[in-house]
Amino acid sequence: TDSQLVAYLNYWPDSLSDPRGGLAYCMTSQDGESWSAPQPVMMADGTQMQGVFEQDPHVLATGRFVCAGHFQPGLIVSPIWTDDPAGLTGWHKGTFTATVNGSASREMEPSLFVQRDGTVAMTFRDQNSSYHKLVSYSYDCGETWTAVEETSMPDARTKQSAGNLSEGTVFLAGSPVNNSVRSPLAVTIAVNGRTFDRAFLLRSNSSDPALKYEGKAKRLGFHYTKSLVYNGNLYVGYATNKEAVEISIVPESSLIS
């Protein structure tokens, strides 16, 4: 809301480690300095959300929040939505069919954008390693979703980060390559919301620094991409080599001129 900040937390209790699953909590603040104690995120039926938030909620023109969660048992993705202006309660699962592989879905770590006609498109990482983005569409503001399709957009099997620039142009931020190397980092653009026909390089392979530390799932590249449009700029944040949090700032005008 205008005067309240909301932070979402994902909690992974040990008792739910097999299959792995978690719970969603929220905290509120009026000034960003003092925060409430964590409280459960509540579904529309009055129960606690039995899953974790995946990526950030997007606010539609109607004021509705739409995003996705990974639900128990395991990590099964589902789009979710609420008309609560604070995003604390009233969450519904969208009508959606995930492709379940054991305790996880093929579709993981999604983000979304809105096309010019109001269609909501949710993109997914493909756990089956096609190295292409997956997509599902909603024509009713997140309540029902089409069957998942494999697109021709390359993707390094990374977290999705998508959205709309201020005047409606659609963007995807990430590594559009057909392999697991999360480099280079780029922003791809679809002015009409459907055809991605331009790309802008943010970080190239030549800018990869060397790894400082070895570790589990550690490798070169630009990981965990997140994006935000604010005050005329597109902000793209990422974890370089999973060692340093960095950000690239791009004027919106340079992407649509």
C-alpha atoms as a PDB file:
ATOM      1  CA  THR A   1       0.000   0.000   0.000  1.00  0.00           C
ATOM      2  CA  ASP A   2       1.045   3.670  -0.181  1.00  0.00           C
ATOM      3  CA  SER A   3       2.206   3.812   3.448  1.00  0.00           C
ATOM      4  CA  GLN A   4       3.211   0.212   4.152  1.00  0.00           C
ATOM      5  CA  LEU A   5       6.165  -1.887   3.060  1.00  0.00           C
ATOM      6  CA  VAL A   6       5.818  -5.667   2.889  1.00  0.00           C
ATOM      7  CA  ALA A   7       8.675  -8.194   2.901  1.00  0.00           C
ATOM      8  CA  TYR A   8       8.131 -11.884   2.161  1.00  0.00           C
ATOM      9  CA  LEU A   9      10.192 -14.610   3.839  1.00  0.00           C
ATOM     10  CA  ASN A  10      10.583 -18.239   2.855  1.00  0.00           C
ATOM     11  CA  TYR A  11      11.060 -20.667   5.741  1.00  0.00           C
ATOM     12  CA  TRP A  12      12.483 -24.153   5.243  1.00  0.00           C
ATOM     13  CA  PRO A  13      11.831 -26.287   8.365  1.00  0.00           C
ATOM     14  CA  ASP A  14      14.016 -29.366   8.752  1.00  0.00           C
ATOM     15  CA  SER A  15      10.954 -31.528   9.290  1.00  0.00           C
ATOM     16  CA  LEU A  16       9.930 -30.878   5.669  1.00  0.00           C
ATOM     17  CA  SER A  17      13.285 -31.685   4.119  1.00  0.00           C
ATOM     18  CA  ASP A  18      12.141 -34.916   2.428  1.00  0.00           C
ATOM     19  CA  PRO A  19      10.630 -33.964   0.105  1.00  0.00           C
ATOM     20  CA  ARG A  20      11.984 -30.450   0.381  1.00  0.00           C
ATOM     21  CA  GLY A  21       9.319 -27.813   0.937  1.00  0.00           C
ATOM     22  CA  GLY A  22       8.758 -24.573   2.795  1.00  0.00           C
ATOM     23  CA  LEU A  23       6.323 -22.008   4.118  1.00  0.00           C
ATOM     24  CA  ALA A  24       5.745 -18.320   3.340  1.00  0.00           C
ATOM     25  CA  TYR A  25       5.766 -15.549   5.946  1.00  0.00           C
ATOM     26  CA  CYS A  26       5.505 -11.769   5.734  1.00  0.00           C
ATOM     27  CA  MET A  27       6.667  -8.718   7.695  1.00  0.00           C
ATOM     28  CA  THR A  28       5.412  -5.125   7.447  1.00  0.00           C
ATOM     29  CA  SER A  29       6.965  -1.727   8.064  1.00  0.00           C
ATOM     30  CA  GLN A  30       5.939   1.906   7.849  1.00  0.00           C
ATOM     31  CA  ASP A  31       9.475   3.281   7.505  1.00  0.00           C
ATOM     32  CA  GLY A  32      11.712   0.432   6.313  1.00  0.00           C
ATOM     33  CA  GLU A  33      13.652   0.489   9.594  1.00  0.00           C
ATOM     34  CA  SER A  34      11.288  -1.073  12.130  1.00  0.00           C
ATOM     35  CA  TRP A  35       9.548  -4.273  11.068  1.00  0.00           C
ATOM     36  CA  SER A  36       6.785  -6.422  12.514  1.00  0.00           C
ATOM     37  CA  ALA A  37       7.336  -9.986  13.645  1.00  0.00           C
ATOM     38  CA  PRO A  38       6.917 -12.561  10.839  1.00  0.00           C
ATOM     39  CA  GLN A  39       3.335 -13.650  10.237  1.00  0.00           C
ATOM     40  CA  PRO A  40       2.064 -16.462   7.987  1.00  0.00           C
ATOM     41  CA  VAL A  41       0.933 -15.537   4.483  1.00  0.00           C
ATOM     42  CA  MET A  42      -2.709 -16.554   4.320  1.00  0.00           C
ATOM     43  CA  MET A  43      -4.716 -18.191   1.562  1.00  0.00           C
ATOM     44  CA  ALA A  44      -8.279 -17.145   0.706  1.00  0.00           C
ATOM     45  CA  ASP A  45      -9.687 -20.092   2.688  1.00  0.00           C
ATOM     46  CA  GLY A  46      -8.019 -18.857   5.881  1.00  0.00           C
ATOM     47  CA  THR A  47      -5.180 -21.401   5.937  1.00  0.00           C
ATOM     48  CA  GLN A  48      -1.460 -20.691   5.852  1.00  0.00           C
ATOM     49  CA  MET A  49       0.181 -20.863   2.438  1.00  0.00           C
ATOM     50  CA  GLN A  50       1.782 -24.323   2.228  1.00  0.00           C
ATOM     51  CA  GLY A  51       4.546 -23.184  -0.071  1.00  0.00           C
ATOM     52  CA  VAL A  52       7.192 -20.549  -0.705  1.00  0.00           C
ATOM     53  CA  PHE A  53       7.073 -17.415  -2.833  1.00  0.00           C
ATOM     54  CA  GLU A  54       9.018 -17.660  -6.067  1.00  0.00           C
ATOM     55  CA  GLN A  55      10.040 -14.265  -7.415  1.00  0.00           C
ATOM     56  CA  ASP A  56       8.246 -11.000  -6.740  1.00  0.00           C
ATOM     57  CA  PRO A  57       4.519 -10.284  -7.083  1.00  0.00           C
ATOM     58  CA  HIS A  58       3.575  -8.173 -10.100  1.00  0.00           C
ATOM     59  CA  VAL A  59       0.725  -5.664  -9.790  1.00  0.00           C
ATOM     60  CA  LEU A  60      -1.720  -5.654 -12.702  1.00  0.00           C
ATOM     61  CA  ALA A  61      -3.582  -2.561 -13.917  1.00  0.00           C
ATOM     62  CA  THR A  62      -6.584  -3.762 -11.898  1.00  0.00           C
ATOM     63  CA  GLY A  63      -4.540  -3.668  -8.684  1.00  0.00           C
ATOM     64  CA  ARG A  64      -4.431  -7.473  -8.449  1.00  0.00           C
ATOM     65  CA  PHE A  65      -1.194  -9.134  -7.314  1.00  0.00           C
ATOM     66  CA  VAL A  66      -0.086 -12.089  -9.459  1.00  0.00           C
ATOM     67  CA  CYS A  67       3.003 -14.232  -8.926  1.00  0.00           C
ATOM     68  CA  ALA A  68       3.792 -17.902  -8.252  1.00  0.00           C
ATOM     69  CA  GLY A  69       4.608 -20.219  -5.389  1.00  0.00           C
ATOM     70  CA  HIS A  70       6.282 -23.601  -5.009  1.00  0.00           C
ATOM     71  CA  PHE A  71       3.887 -25.737  -3.013  1.00  0.00           C
ATOM     72  CA  GLN A  72       4.224 -28.817  -0.812  1.00  0.00           C
ATOM     73  CA  PRO A  73       4.685 -31.711  -0.913  1.00  0.00           C
ATOM     74  CA  GLY A  74       7.969 -30.899  -2.567  1.00  0.00           C
ATOM     75  CA  LEU A  75       8.298 -27.945  -4.932  1.00  0.00           C
ATOM     76  CA  ILE A  76       5.301 -27.921  -7.265  1.00  0.00           C
ATOM     77  CA  VAL A  77       4.805 -24.571  -8.984  1.00  0.00           C
ATOM     78  CA  SER A  78       1.467 -22.787  -9.216  1.00  0.00           C
ATOM     79  CA  PRO A  79       0.525 -19.242 -10.213  1.00  0.00           C
ATOM     80  CA  ILE A  80      -1.162 -17.405  -7.329  1.00  0.00           C
ATOM     81  CA  TRP A  81      -3.142 -14.188  -7.046  1.00  0.00           C
ATOM     82  CA  THR A  82      -4.826 -11.916  -4.502  1.00  0.00           C
ATOM     83  CA  ASP A  83      -6.912  -8.748  -4.518  1.00  0.00           C
ATOM     84  CA  ASP A  84      -5.673  -7.808  -1.040  1.00  0.00           C
ATOM     85  CA  PRO A  85      -3.924  -4.447  -1.668  1.00  0.00           C
ATOM     86  CA  ALA A  86      -1.299  -5.340   0.955  1.00  0.00           C
ATOM     87  CA  GLY A  87      -0.635  -8.808  -0.475  1.00  0.00           C
ATOM     88  CA  LEU A  88      -0.848 -10.417   2.972  1.00  0.00           C
ATOM     89  CA  THR A  89      -4.030 -12.483   2.726  1.00  0.00           C
ATOM     90  CA  GLY A  90      -6.581 -13.768   0.268  1.00  0.00           C
ATOM     91  CA  TRP A  91      -4.179 -15.701  -1.952  1.00  0.00           C
ATOM     92  CA  HIS A  92      -5.686 -18.116  -4.485  1.00  0.00           C
ATOM     93  CA  LYS A  93      -4.001 -20.769  -6.573  1.00  0.00           C
ATOM     94  CA  GLY A  94      -4.637 -20.231 -10.253  1.00  0.00           C
ATOM     95  CA  THR A  95      -6.090 -23.090 -12.280  1.00  0.00           C
ATOM     96  CA  PHE A  96      -2.879 -24.518 -13.706  1.00  0.00           C
ATOM     97  CA  THR A  97      -1.441 -27.920 -14.578  1.00  0.00           C
ATOM     98  CA  ALA A  98       2.211 -28.393 -13.655  1.00  0.00           C
ATOM     99  CA  THR A  99       4.384 -31.141 -15.138  1.00  0.00           C
ATOM    100  CA  VAL A 100       5.372 -33.041 -12.001  1.00  0.00           C
ATOM    101  CA  ASN A 101       8.653 -34.948 -11.930  1.00  0.00           C
ATOM    102  CA  GLY A 102       8.896 -36.717  -8.565  1.00  0.00           C
ATOM    103  CA  SER A 103       8.745 -34.073  -5.829  1.00  0.00           C
ATOM    104  CA  ALA A 104       9.258 -31.061  -8.151  1.00  0.00           C
ATOM    105  CA  SER A 105       7.668 -29.633 -11.255  1.00  0.00           C
ATOM    106  CA  ARG A 106       9.369 -29.232 -14.598  1.00  0.00           C
ATOM    107  CA  GLU A 107       8.291 -25.584 -14.493  1.00  0.00           C
ATOM    108  CA  MET A 108      10.300 -23.671 -11.892  1.00  0.00           C
ATOM    109  CA  GLU A 109      11.282 -20.172 -10.752  1.00  0.00           C
ATOM    110  CA  PRO A 110       8.906 -18.140 -12.937  1.00  0.00           C
ATOM    111  CA  SER A 111       8.364 -14.459 -13.605  1.00  0.00           C
ATOM    112  CA  LEU A 112       5.761 -12.680 -15.712  1.00  0.00           C
ATOM    113  CA  PHE A 113       4.900  -9.785 -17.996  1.00  0.00           C
ATOM    114  CA  VAL A 114       1.703  -8.329 -19.456  1.00  0.00           C
ATOM    115  CA  GLN A 115       1.094  -8.076 -23.188  1.00  0.00           C
ATOM    116  CA  ARG A 116      -0.540  -5.037 -24.796  1.00  0.00           C
ATOM    117  CA  ASP A 117      -3.979  -6.693 -24.814  1.00  0.00           C
ATOM    118  CA  GLY A 118      -3.813  -7.499 -21.092  1.00  0.00           C
ATOM    119  CA  THR A 119      -2.781 -11.141 -21.469  1.00  0.00           C
ATOM    120  CA  VAL A 120      -0.523 -12.197 -18.603  1.00  0.00           C
ATOM    121  CA  ALA A 121       2.421 -14.362 -19.691  1.00  0.00           C
ATOM    122  CA  MET A 122       4.329 -16.370 -17.077  1.00  0.00           C
ATOM    123  CA  THR A 123       7.759 -17.647 -18.099  1.00  0.00           C
ATOM    124  CA  PHE A 124       9.457 -20.599 -16.395  1.00  0.00           C
ATOM    125  CA  ARG A 125      12.867 -22.183 -16.070  1.00  0.00           C
ATOM    126  CA  ASP A 126      12.805 -25.671 -17.604  1.00  0.00           C
ATOM    127  CA  GLN A 127      14.086 -28.303 -15.169  1.00  0.00           C
ATOM    128  CA  ASN A 128      14.171 -30.786 -18.072  1.00  0.00           C
ATOM    129  CA  SER A 129      17.126 -28.823 -19.490  1.00  0.00           C
ATOM    130  CA  SER A 130      15.732 -27.942 -22.902  1.00  0.00           C
ATOM    131  CA  TYR A 131      17.556 -24.620 -22.400  1.00  0.00           C
ATOM    132  CA  HIS A 132      14.469 -22.780 -23.619  1.00  0.00           C
ATOM    133  CA  LYS A 133      11.990 -20.749 -21.635  1.00  0.00           C
ATOM    134  CA  LEU A 134       8.597 -22.258 -20.934  1.00  0.00           C
ATOM    135  CA  VAL A 135       5.442 -20.116 -20.937  1.00  0.00           C
ATOM    136  CA  SER A 136       1.803 -20.194 -19.873  1.00  0.00           C
ATOM    137  CA  TYR A 137      -0.842 -17.513 -20.516  1.00  0.00           C
ATOM    138  CA  SER A 138      -3.744 -16.134 -18.495  1.00  0.00           C
ATOM    139  CA  TYR A 139      -6.598 -14.166 -20.084  1.00  0.00           C
ATOM    140  CA  ASP A 140      -8.450 -13.497 -16.814  1.00  0.00           C
ATOM    141  CA  CYS A 141      -5.852 -11.762 -14.638  1.00  0.00           C
ATOM    142  CA  GLY A 142      -4.238 -14.902 -13.258  1.00  0.00           C
ATOM    143  CA  GLU A 143      -7.236 -17.066 -12.402  1.00  0.00           C
ATOM    144  CA  THR A 144      -6.833 -19.676 -15.146  1.00  0.00           C
ATOM    145  CA  TRP A 145      -3.783 -20.594 -17.237  1.00  0.00           C
ATOM    146  CA  THR A 146      -3.132 -22.311 -20.548  1.00  0.00           C
ATOM    147  CA  ALA A 147      -1.127 -25.497 -20.984  1.00  0.00           C
ATOM    148  CA  VAL A 148       2.606 -24.854 -20.663  1.00  0.00           C
ATOM    149  CA  GLU A 149       4.489 -24.461 -23.952  1.00  0.00           C
ATOM    150  CA  GLU A 150       8.179 -24.616 -24.765  1.00  0.00           C
ATOM    151  CA  THR A 151       9.242 -21.405 -26.511  1.00  0.00           C
ATOM    152  CA  SER A 152      12.072 -20.707 -28.940  1.00  0.00           C
ATOM    153  CA  MET A 153      13.659 -18.232 -26.501  1.00  0.00           C
ATOM    154  CA  PRO A 154      17.042 -19.578 -25.306  1.00  0.00           C
ATOM    155  CA  ASP A 155      17.554 -19.725 -21.565  1.00  0.00           C
ATOM    156  CA  ALA A 156      20.499 -20.944 -19.476  1.00  0.00           C
ATOM    157  CA  ARG A 157      18.065 -22.674 -17.067  1.00  0.00           C
ATOM    158  CA  THR A 158      18.091 -19.743 -14.675  1.00  0.00           C
ATOM    159  CA  LYS A 159      15.678 -17.852 -12.475  1.00  0.00           C
ATOM    160  CA  GLN A 160      13.284 -15.888 -14.641  1.00  0.00           C
ATOM    161  CA  SER A 161      13.132 -12.094 -14.466  1.00  0.00           C
ATOM    162  CA  ALA A 162      10.609 -10.345 -16.663  1.00  0.00           C
ATOM    163  CA  GLY A 163       8.374  -7.304 -16.657  1.00  0.00           C
ATOM    164  CA  ASN A 164       7.109  -4.238 -18.444  1.00  0.00           C
ATOM    165  CA  LEU A 165       8.780  -0.899 -18.965  1.00  0.00           C
ATOM    166  CA  SER A 166       6.766   2.163 -17.985  1.00  0.00           C
ATOM    167  CA  GLU A 167       5.082   2.529 -21.397  1.00  0.00           C
ATOM    168  CA  GLY A 168       4.307  -1.184 -21.703  1.00  0.00           C
ATOM    169  CA  THR A 169       7.242  -2.630 -23.630  1.00  0.00           C
ATOM    170  CA  VAL A 170       8.035  -6.172 -22.423  1.00  0.00           C
ATOM    171  CA  PHE A 171      11.514  -7.161 -21.317  1.00  0.00           C
ATOM    172  CA  LEU A 172      13.282 -10.347 -20.240  1.00  0.00           C
ATOM    173  CA  ALA A 173      16.506 -10.109 -18.217  1.00  0.00           C
ATOM    174  CA  GLY A 174      18.859 -13.088 -18.066  1.00  0.00           C
ATOM    175  CA  SER A 175      21.215 -15.245 -20.102  1.00  0.00           C
ATOM    176  CA  PRO A 176      19.578 -16.158 -23.443  1.00  0.00           C
ATOM    177  CA  VAL A 177      21.915 -19.043 -24.338  1.00  0.00           C
ATOM    178  CA  ASN A 178      21.307 -22.745 -25.067  1.00  0.00           C
ATOM    179  CA  ASN A 179      23.615 -24.093 -22.341  1.00  0.00           C
ATOM    180  CA  SER A 180      24.112 -23.880 -18.580  1.00  0.00           C
ATOM    181  CA  VAL A 181      26.684 -21.056 -18.643  1.00  0.00           C
ATOM    182  CA  ARG A 182      24.904 -18.020 -17.210  1.00  0.00           C
ATOM    183  CA  SER A 183      26.777 -15.546 -19.335  1.00  0.00           C
ATOM    184  CA  PRO A 184      26.441 -13.204 -21.116  1.00  0.00           C
ATOM    185  CA  LEU A 185      23.780 -11.186 -19.288  1.00  0.00           C
ATOM    186  CA  ALA A 186      21.315  -9.410 -21.552  1.00  0.00           C
ATOM    187  CA  VAL A 187      17.928  -7.712 -21.769  1.00  0.00           C
ATOM    188  CA  THR A 188      15.669  -8.820 -24.630  1.00  0.00           C
ATOM    189  CA  ILE A 189      12.822  -6.578 -25.764  1.00  0.00           C
ATOM    190  CA  ALA A 190       9.365  -7.070 -27.305  1.00  0.00           C
ATOM    191  CA  VAL A 191       7.766  -3.712 -28.085  1.00  0.00           C
ATOM    192  CA  ASN A 192       4.523  -5.404 -29.117  1.00  0.00           C
ATOM    193  CA  GLY A 193       4.660  -7.727 -26.110  1.00  0.00           C
ATOM    194  CA  ARG A 194       4.972 -10.838 -28.272  1.00  0.00           C
ATOM    195  CA  THR A 195       7.953 -10.776 -30.637  1.00  0.00           C
ATOM    196  CA  PHE A 196      11.360 -10.425 -28.983  1.00  0.00           C
ATOM    197  CA  ASP A 197      13.434  -8.904 -31.752  1.00  0.00           C
ATOM    198  CA  ARG A 198      16.047  -6.817 -29.932  1.00  0.00           C
ATOM    199  CA  ALA A 199      18.652  -7.591 -27.273  1.00  0.00           C
ATOM    200  CA  PHE A 200      20.974  -5.371 -25.268  1.00  0.00           C
ATOM    201  CA  LEU A 201      24.179  -6.698 -23.713  1.00  0.00           C
ATOM    202  CA  LEU A 202      24.708  -5.863 -20.040  1.00  0.00           C
ATOM    203  CA  ARG A 203      27.665  -8.073 -19.140  1.00  0.00           C
ATOM    204  CA  SER A 204      29.740 -10.190 -21.514  1.00  0.00           C
ATOM    205  CA  ASN A 205      31.807 -13.330 -21.101  1.00  0.00           C
ATOM    206  CA  SER A 206      34.933 -11.197 -21.223  1.00  0.00           C
ATOM    207  CA  SER A 207      33.807  -9.365 -18.074  1.00  0.00           C
ATOM    208  CA  ASP A 208      33.552 -12.569 -16.022  1.00  0.00           C
ATOM    209  CA  PRO A 209      35.927 -12.296 -13.081  1.00  0.00           C
ATOM    210  CA  ALA A 210      37.705 -15.419 -11.883  1.00  0.00           C
ATOM    211  CA  LEU A 211      36.165 -17.469  -9.071  1.00  0.00           C
ATOM    212  CA  LYS A 212      37.530 -16.529  -5.669  1.00  0.00           C
ATOM    213  CA  TYR A 213      36.146 -19.543  -3.836  1.00  0.00           C
ATOM    214  CA  GLU A 214      35.125 -23.074  -4.731  1.00  0.00           C
ATOM    215  CA  GLY A 215      31.809 -24.356  -3.416  1.00  0.00           C
ATOM    216  CA  LYS A 216      28.634 -26.295  -4.060  1.00  0.00           C
ATOM    217  CA  ALA A 217      26.982 -25.249  -7.356  1.00  0.00           C
ATOM    218  CA  LYS A 218      29.574 -22.456  -7.712  1.00  0.00           C
ATOM    219  CA  ARG A 219      30.461 -21.429 -11.236  1.00  0.00           C
ATOM    220  CA  LEU A 220      31.160 -18.429 -13.402  1.00  0.00           C
ATOM    221  CA  GLY A 221      28.342 -16.245 -14.608  1.00  0.00           C
ATOM    222  CA  PHE A 222      25.567 -13.901 -13.585  1.00  0.00           C
ATOM    223  CA  HIS A 223      23.075 -15.711 -11.375  1.00  0.00           C
ATOM    224  CA  TYR A 224      19.694 -15.101  -9.673  1.00  0.00           C
ATOM    225  CA  THR A 225      18.739 -12.206 -11.944  1.00  0.00           C
ATOM    226  CA  LYS A 226      16.126  -9.792 -10.603  1.00  0.00           C
ATOM    227  CA  SER A 227      14.757  -6.651 -12.202  1.00  0.00           C
ATOM    228  CA  LEU A 228      12.854  -3.492 -11.279  1.00  0.00           C
ATOM    229  CA  VAL A 229      11.609  -0.488 -13.238  1.00  0.00           C
ATOM    230  CA  TYR A 230      11.775   2.741 -11.263  1.00  0.00           C
ATOM    231  CA  ASN A 231      11.985   6.434 -12.037  1.00  0.00           C
ATOM    232  CA  GLY A 232      12.900   6.014 -15.701  1.00  0.00           C
ATOM    233  CA  ASN A 233      15.466   3.246 -15.259  1.00  0.00           C
ATOM    234  CA  LEU A 234      15.560  -0.543 -15.486  1.00  0.00           C
ATOM    235  CA  TYR A 235      17.556  -1.979 -12.594  1.00  0.00           C
ATOM    236  CA  VAL A 236      18.918  -5.504 -13.096  1.00  0.00           C
ATOM    237  CA  GLY A 237      20.495  -7.143 -10.056  1.00  0.00           C
ATOM    238  CA  TYR A 238      22.444 -10.402 -10.067  1.00  0.00           C
ATOM    239  CA  ALA A 239      25.046 -12.454  -8.180  1.00  0.00           C
ATOM    240  CA  THR A 240      28.303 -12.509 -10.141  1.00  0.00           C
ATOM    241  CA  ASN A 241      29.861 -15.963  -9.735  1.00  0.00           C
ATOM    242  CA  LYS A 242      27.527 -16.339  -6.710  1.00  0.00           C
ATOM    243  CA  GLU A 243      30.087 -14.226  -4.836  1.00  0.00           C
ATOM    244  CA  ALA A 244      29.206 -10.556  -5.380  1.00  0.00           C
ATOM    245  CA  VAL A 245      25.839  -8.808  -5.578  1.00  0.00           C
ATOM    246  CA  GLU A 246      26.009  -6.358  -8.485  1.00  0.00           C
ATOM    247  CA  ILE A 247      23.583  -4.205 -10.435  1.00  0.00           C
ATOM    248  CA  SER A 248      23.309  -2.805 -13.950  1.00  0.00           C
ATOM    249  CA  ILE A 249      21.205   0.337 -14.452  1.00  0.00           C
ATOM    250  CA  VAL A 250      19.761   1.015 -17.894  1.00  0.00           C
ATOM    251  CA  PRO A 251      17.742   4.132 -18.874  1.00  0.00           C
ATOM    252  CA  GLU A 252      14.370   3.028 -20.222  1.00  0.00           C
ATOM    253  CA  SER A 253      14.746   5.498 -23.080  1.00  0.00           C
ATOM    254  CA  SER A 254      17.759   3.593 -24.418  1.00  0.00           C
ATOM    255  CA  LEU A 255      15.708   0.385 -24.700  1.00  0.00           C
ATOM    256  CA  ILE A 256      12.740   1.799 -26.629  1.00  0.00           C
ATOM    257  CA  SER A 257      14.287   4.523 -28.796  1.00  0.00           C
END
